[in-house]
Amino acid sequence: MSRPGEPPYVALFGPGARYEGDFVFEGRVRIDGHFVGRIYSEEQLEIGPDGLVEGELDVARALVSGTVRGALRAREQLTLKRGGRIEGKLDVGILVLEPGACIAGEVIIHGTEMP
């Protein structure tokens, strides 16, 4: 699933997987299943088209093609892909929106990377 030049995934939550709790990671993680809880990382989180994350997320970078319900903080950048959906509070350094993406909730965009 990784493209040439991208680091490999350190974890992959596949379709049908469900996880509840706190998740802290280094590296690049992709969620195609259902996650409920808190996520923290100094690196990149990807949520696939069938992925659903409910809770609080605090990551450096996020790429969302699925759904996030709750609070998402992306200190560097959030890319919300076509079909991606954020429902809740969004606090980002830089926001990249593709046509067909949806945000329903409070949005704060800093315009630069946050500490």
C-alpha atoms as a PDB file:
ATOM      1  CA  MET A   1       0.000   0.000   0.000  1.00  0.00           C
ATOM      2  CA  SER A   2       2.944   2.348   0.454  1.00  0.00           C
ATOM      3  CA  ARG A   3       4.012   4.368  -2.555  1.00  0.00           C
ATOM      4  CA  PRO A   4       7.667   4.527  -3.577  1.00  0.00           C
ATOM      5  CA  GLY A   5       9.504   6.991  -1.348  1.00  0.00           C
ATOM      6  CA  GLU A   6       6.957   6.804   1.475  1.00  0.00           C
ATOM      7  CA  PRO A   7       7.878   5.111   4.731  1.00  0.00           C
ATOM      8  CA  PRO A   8       6.183   1.753   5.335  1.00  0.00           C
ATOM      9  CA  TYR A   9       3.252   1.419   7.708  1.00  0.00           C
ATOM     10  CA  VAL A  10       4.171   0.474  11.269  1.00  0.00           C
ATOM     11  CA  ALA A  11       0.569  -0.602  11.903  1.00  0.00           C
ATOM     12  CA  LEU A  12      -2.528  -1.248   9.829  1.00  0.00           C
ATOM     13  CA  PHE A  13      -6.031  -1.653  11.244  1.00  0.00           C
ATOM     14  CA  GLY A  14      -7.792  -3.555   8.455  1.00  0.00           C
ATOM     15  CA  PRO A  15     -11.458  -3.535   7.484  1.00  0.00           C
ATOM     16  CA  GLY A  16     -13.551  -5.293  10.091  1.00  0.00           C
ATOM     17  CA  ALA A  17     -11.055  -4.587  12.886  1.00  0.00           C
ATOM     18  CA  ARG A  18     -12.348  -2.693  15.934  1.00  0.00           C
ATOM     19  CA  TYR A  19     -10.113  -1.197  18.595  1.00  0.00           C
ATOM     20  CA  GLU A  20     -10.978   0.777  21.730  1.00  0.00           C
ATOM     21  CA  GLY A  21      -8.506   2.603  23.947  1.00  0.00           C
ATOM     22  CA  ASP A  22      -5.450   4.837  23.753  1.00  0.00           C
ATOM     23  CA  PHE A  23      -3.002   4.468  20.883  1.00  0.00           C
ATOM     24  CA  VAL A  24       0.403   6.176  20.763  1.00  0.00           C
ATOM     25  CA  PHE A  25       2.715   5.493  17.844  1.00  0.00           C
ATOM     26  CA  GLU A  26       5.829   6.507  15.931  1.00  0.00           C
ATOM     27  CA  GLY A  27       5.901   6.144  12.169  1.00  0.00           C
ATOM     28  CA  ARG A  28       2.997   5.878   9.758  1.00  0.00           C
ATOM     29  CA  VAL A  29      -0.304   4.167  10.657  1.00  0.00           C
ATOM     30  CA  ARG A  30      -3.400   3.474   8.572  1.00  0.00           C
ATOM     31  CA  ILE A  31      -6.896   2.746   9.886  1.00  0.00           C
ATOM     32  CA  ASP A  32      -9.404   1.039   7.602  1.00  0.00           C
ATOM     33  CA  GLY A  33     -11.471  -0.365  10.477  1.00  0.00           C
ATOM     34  CA  HIS A  34     -13.227   1.231  13.469  1.00  0.00           C
ATOM     35  CA  PHE A  35     -11.240   2.919  16.242  1.00  0.00           C
ATOM     36  CA  VAL A  36     -12.763   4.418  19.400  1.00  0.00           C
ATOM     37  CA  GLY A  37     -10.524   6.312  21.829  1.00  0.00           C
ATOM     38  CA  ARG A  38      -7.508   8.605  21.805  1.00  0.00           C
ATOM     39  CA  ILE A  39      -4.651   8.676  19.295  1.00  0.00           C
ATOM     40  CA  TYR A  40      -1.356  10.549  19.644  1.00  0.00           C
ATOM     41  CA  SER A  41       1.618  10.676  17.316  1.00  0.00           C
ATOM     42  CA  GLU A  42       4.473  12.915  16.245  1.00  0.00           C
ATOM     43  CA  GLU A  43       4.073  11.439  12.763  1.00  0.00           C
ATOM     44  CA  GLN A  44       1.355  10.491  10.232  1.00  0.00           C
ATOM     45  CA  LEU A  45      -2.084   8.939  10.623  1.00  0.00           C
ATOM     46  CA  GLU A  46      -4.069   7.828   7.586  1.00  0.00           C
ATOM     47  CA  ILE A  47      -7.756   6.942   7.685  1.00  0.00           C
ATOM     48  CA  GLY A  48      -8.876   4.921   4.672  1.00  0.00           C
ATOM     49  CA  PRO A  49     -12.218   5.325   2.865  1.00  0.00           C
ATOM     50  CA  ASP A  50     -13.918   2.723   5.087  1.00  0.00           C
ATOM     51  CA  GLY A  51     -12.163   3.866   8.269  1.00  0.00           C
ATOM     52  CA  LEU A  52     -14.104   5.358  11.173  1.00  0.00           C
ATOM     53  CA  VAL A  53     -12.356   7.006  14.111  1.00  0.00           C
ATOM     54  CA  GLU A  54     -14.332   8.285  17.102  1.00  0.00           C
ATOM     55  CA  GLY A  55     -12.543  10.198  19.837  1.00  0.00           C
ATOM     56  CA  GLU A  56      -9.620  12.584  20.232  1.00  0.00           C
ATOM     57  CA  LEU A  57      -6.754  12.633  17.741  1.00  0.00           C
ATOM     58  CA  ASP A  58      -3.534  14.626  18.128  1.00  0.00           C
ATOM     59  CA  VAL A  59      -1.049  13.938  15.336  1.00  0.00           C
ATOM     60  CA  ALA A  60       1.562  15.778  13.299  1.00  0.00           C
ATOM     61  CA  ARG A  61       0.002  14.915   9.939  1.00  0.00           C
ATOM     62  CA  ALA A  62      -3.282  13.319   8.943  1.00  0.00           C
ATOM     63  CA  LEU A  63      -4.692  12.096   5.664  1.00  0.00           C
ATOM     64  CA  VAL A  64      -8.411  11.369   5.950  1.00  0.00           C
ATOM     65  CA  SER A  65     -10.448   9.549   3.313  1.00  0.00           C
ATOM     66  CA  GLY A  66     -12.932   8.085   5.829  1.00  0.00           C
ATOM     67  CA  THR A  67     -14.753   9.576   8.824  1.00  0.00           C
ATOM     68  CA  VAL A  68     -13.564  11.225  12.037  1.00  0.00           C
ATOM     69  CA  ARG A  69     -16.075  11.978  14.814  1.00  0.00           C
ATOM     70  CA  GLY A  70     -14.699  13.991  17.698  1.00  0.00           C
ATOM     71  CA  ALA A  71     -11.680  16.278  17.952  1.00  0.00           C
ATOM     72  CA  LEU A  72      -8.805  16.216  15.477  1.00  0.00           C
ATOM     73  CA  ARG A  73      -5.628  18.228  15.950  1.00  0.00           C
ATOM     74  CA  ALA A  74      -3.127  18.010  13.081  1.00  0.00           C
ATOM     75  CA  ARG A  75      -0.173  20.141  14.118  1.00  0.00           C
ATOM     76  CA  GLU A  76       1.446  20.251  10.685  1.00  0.00           C
ATOM     77  CA  GLN A  77      -1.128  19.382   8.027  1.00  0.00           C
ATOM     78  CA  LEU A  78      -4.469  17.711   7.446  1.00  0.00           C
ATOM     79  CA  THR A  79      -5.371  16.494   3.967  1.00  0.00           C
ATOM     80  CA  LEU A  80      -9.073  15.747   3.712  1.00  0.00           C
ATOM     81  CA  LYS A  81      -9.598  13.615   0.635  1.00  0.00           C
ATOM     82  CA  ARG A  82     -12.703  13.356  -1.565  1.00  0.00           C
ATOM     83  CA  GLY A  83     -15.334  11.468   0.459  1.00  0.00           C
ATOM     84  CA  GLY A  84     -13.531  12.213   3.729  1.00  0.00           C
ATOM     85  CA  ARG A  85     -15.630  13.603   6.562  1.00  0.00           C
ATOM     86  CA  ILE A  86     -14.833  15.374   9.839  1.00  0.00           C
ATOM     87  CA  GLU A  87     -17.637  15.734  12.394  1.00  0.00           C
ATOM     88  CA  GLY A  88     -16.577  17.748  15.423  1.00  0.00           C
ATOM     89  CA  LYS A  89     -13.708  20.054  16.326  1.00  0.00           C
ATOM     90  CA  LEU A  90     -10.846  20.532  13.890  1.00  0.00           C
ATOM     91  CA  ASP A  91      -7.609  22.346  14.813  1.00  0.00           C
ATOM     92  CA  VAL A  92      -4.952  22.302  12.085  1.00  0.00           C
ATOM     93  CA  GLY A  93      -1.775  24.014  11.007  1.00  0.00           C
ATOM     94  CA  ILE A  94      -2.412  23.694   7.273  1.00  0.00           C
ATOM     95  CA  LEU A  95      -5.621  22.350   5.730  1.00  0.00           C
ATOM     96  CA  VAL A  96      -5.793  20.774   2.274  1.00  0.00           C
ATOM     97  CA  LEU A  97      -9.356  20.047   1.116  1.00  0.00           C
ATOM     98  CA  GLU A  98     -10.211  18.064  -1.979  1.00  0.00           C
ATOM     99  CA  PRO A  99     -13.547  18.643  -3.728  1.00  0.00           C
ATOM    100  CA  GLY A 100     -16.133  16.312  -2.208  1.00  0.00           C
ATOM    101  CA  ALA A 101     -14.669  16.464   1.325  1.00  0.00           C
ATOM    102  CA  CYS A 102     -16.956  17.497   4.206  1.00  0.00           C
ATOM    103  CA  ILE A 103     -16.422  19.251   7.542  1.00  0.00           C
ATOM    104  CA  ALA A 104     -19.301  19.606  10.013  1.00  0.00           C
ATOM    105  CA  GLY A 105     -18.238  21.429  13.165  1.00  0.00           C
ATOM    106  CA  GLU A 106     -15.807  23.972  14.538  1.00  0.00           C
ATOM    107  CA  VAL A 107     -12.708  24.687  12.452  1.00  0.00           C
ATOM    108  CA  ILE A 108      -9.497  26.477  13.467  1.00  0.00           C
ATOM    109  CA  ILE A 109      -6.806  26.885  10.785  1.00  0.00           C
ATOM    110  CA  HIS A 110      -3.497  28.396  11.868  1.00  0.00           C
ATOM    111  CA  GLY A 111      -1.974  28.664   8.388  1.00  0.00           C
ATOM    112  CA  THR A 112       1.406  27.367   9.564  1.00  0.00           C
ATOM    113  CA  GLU A 113       2.711  24.389  11.496  1.00  0.00           C
ATOM    114  CA  MET A 114       1.900  24.520  15.211  1.00  0.00           C
ATOM    115  CA  PRO A 115       4.356  23.687  17.987  1.00  0.00           C
END
